[in-house]
C-alpha atoms as a PDB file:
ATOM      1  CA  MET A   1       0.000   0.000   0.000  1.00  0.00           C
ATOM      2  CA  TYR A   2       2.894   2.340   0.680  1.00  0.00           C
ATOM      3  CA  ASP A   3       4.187   2.012  -2.881  1.00  0.00           C
ATOM      4  CA  GLU A   4       0.771   2.822  -4.350  1.00  0.00           C
ATOM      5  CA  THR A   5       0.391   5.851  -2.105  1.00  0.00           C
ATOM      6  CA  VAL A   6       3.847   7.162  -3.011  1.00  0.00           C
ATOM      7  CA  ALA A   7       3.113   6.557  -6.698  1.00  0.00           C
ATOM      8  CA  GLY A   8      -0.151   8.473  -6.300  1.00  0.00           C
ATOM      9  CA  LEU A   9       1.680  11.363  -4.664  1.00  0.00           C
ATOM     10  CA  ASP A  10       4.249  11.357  -7.459  1.00  0.00           C
ATOM     11  CA  GLN A  11       1.460  11.915 -10.001  1.00  0.00           C
ATOM     12  CA  LEU A  12       0.355  15.154  -8.331  1.00  0.00           C
ATOM     13  CA  PRO A  13       1.575  18.587  -9.428  1.00  0.00           C
ATOM     14  CA  GLU A  14       4.359  19.858  -7.169  1.00  0.00           C
ATOM     15  CA  VAL A  15       2.261  22.333  -5.146  1.00  0.00           C
ATOM     16  CA  GLU A  16      -0.412  19.706  -4.491  1.00  0.00           C
ATOM     17  CA  ARG A  17       2.214  17.136  -3.481  1.00  0.00           C
ATOM     18  CA  VAL A  18       3.756  19.650  -1.061  1.00  0.00           C
ATOM     19  CA  ILE A  19       0.356  20.384   0.500  1.00  0.00           C
ATOM     20  CA  ILE A  20      -0.530  16.707   0.995  1.00  0.00           C
ATOM     21  CA  THR A  21       2.914  15.745   2.253  1.00  0.00           C
ATOM     22  CA  ARG A  22       3.493  18.612   4.632  1.00  0.00           C
ATOM     23  CA  GLN A  23      -0.018  19.050   6.005  1.00  0.00           C
ATOM     24  CA  TYR A  24      -1.340  15.509   6.192  1.00  0.00           C
ATOM     25  CA  ILE A  25       1.789  13.379   6.488  1.00  0.00           C
ATOM     26  CA  ASN A  26       4.181  15.672   8.363  1.00  0.00           C
ATOM     27  CA  GLY A  27       1.409  17.402  10.331  1.00  0.00           C
ATOM     28  CA  GLU A  28       2.680  20.919   9.690  1.00  0.00           C
ATOM     29  CA  TYR A  29       0.525  23.952  10.435  1.00  0.00           C
ATOM     30  CA  GLN A  30      -1.520  25.046   7.409  1.00  0.00           C
ATOM     31  CA  PRO A  31      -0.789  28.829   7.546  1.00  0.00           C
ATOM     32  CA  ILE A  32       2.953  28.186   7.536  1.00  0.00           C
ATOM     33  CA  ILE A  33       2.724  26.002   4.425  1.00  0.00           C
ATOM     34  CA  ARG A  34       0.371  28.466   2.750  1.00  0.00           C
ATOM     35  CA  ASP A  35       2.692  31.410   3.424  1.00  0.00           C
ATOM     36  CA  GLU A  36       5.760  29.543   2.168  1.00  0.00           C
ATOM     37  CA  LEU A  37       3.903  28.646  -1.038  1.00  0.00           C
ATOM     38  CA  GLY A  38       2.771  32.259  -1.419  1.00  0.00           C
ATOM     39  CA  LEU A  39      -0.921  31.358  -1.608  1.00  0.00           C
ATOM     40  CA  LYS A  40      -3.907  33.269  -0.274  1.00  0.00           C
ATOM     41  CA  PRO A  41      -6.219  31.280   2.028  1.00  0.00           C
ATOM     42  CA  SER A  42      -8.844  30.768  -0.681  1.00  0.00           C
ATOM     43  CA  ALA A  43      -6.251  29.639  -3.230  1.00  0.00           C
ATOM     44  CA  TYR A  44      -4.690  27.268  -0.701  1.00  0.00           C
ATOM     45  CA  TYR A  45      -8.113  25.779   0.079  1.00  0.00           C
ATOM     46  CA  ARG A  46      -8.825  25.193  -3.632  1.00  0.00           C
ATOM     47  CA  ARG A  47      -5.406  23.575  -4.163  1.00  0.00           C
ATOM     48  CA  GLN A  48      -5.903  21.426  -1.071  1.00  0.00           C
ATOM     49  CA  ILE A  49      -9.245  20.155  -2.396  1.00  0.00           C
ATOM     50  CA  LYS A  50      -7.758  19.453  -5.823  1.00  0.00           C
ATOM     51  CA  ALA A  51      -4.817  17.643  -4.248  1.00  0.00           C
ATOM     52  CA  ARG A  52      -7.051  15.380  -2.171  1.00  0.00           C
ATOM     53  CA  ARG A  53      -9.327  14.664  -5.131  1.00  0.00           C
ATOM     54  CA  HIS A  54      -6.361  13.883  -7.412  1.00  0.00           C
ATOM     55  CA  LEU A  55      -4.795  11.611  -4.796  1.00  0.00           C
ATOM     56  CA  ALA A  56      -8.083   9.733  -4.307  1.00  0.00           C
ATOM     57  CA  ASP A  57      -8.350   9.269  -8.091  1.00  0.00           C
ATOM     58  CA  ALA A  58      -4.756   8.039  -8.307  1.00  0.00           C
ATOM     59  CA  LEU A  59      -5.264   5.585  -5.449  1.00  0.00           C
ATOM     60  CA  ASN A  60      -8.438   4.225  -7.046  1.00  0.00           C
ATOM     61  CA  GLU A  61      -6.384   3.330 -10.135  1.00  0.00           C
ATOM     62  CA  ALA A  62      -3.951   1.235  -8.081  1.00  0.00           C
ATOM     63  CA  PRO A  63      -4.885  -2.468  -7.902  1.00  0.00           C
ATOM     64  CA  THR A  64      -4.509  -2.555  -4.118  1.00  0.00           C
ATOM     65  CA  PHE A  65      -7.114   0.155  -3.608  1.00  0.00           C
ATOM     66  CA  GLN A  66      -9.582  -0.623  -6.411  1.00  0.00           C
ATOM     67  CA  ARG A  67     -11.894  -2.663  -4.205  1.00  0.00           C
ATOM     68  CA  LEU A  68     -12.010   0.076  -1.574  1.00  0.00           C
ATOM     69  CA  GLU A  69     -13.484   2.754  -3.858  1.00  0.00           C
ATOM     70  CA  ILE A  70     -11.858   5.703  -2.125  1.00  0.00           C
ATOM     71  CA  SER A  71     -13.946   8.816  -2.420  1.00  0.00           C
ATOM     72  CA  PHE A  72     -13.311  12.444  -1.647  1.00  0.00           C
ATOM     73  CA  THR A  73     -15.709  14.827   0.046  1.00  0.00           C
ATOM     74  CA  PRO A  74     -14.696  18.447   0.674  1.00  0.00           C
END
């Protein structure tokens, strides 16, 4: 499962990968990440939603996760 998750992260655009990795995996504080990326709160929120949706789509393509039908809800 780790390999599929890493492969899914690798498919994301760089900003989305940074958001997912730093906020959800490393547990960093959202405003710090947002400021370092130079995004306004609304732009960060939109990118965060896109990142989670893209990751869910990528995981659903992986054989390990296909039976789970991972979905995303904002």
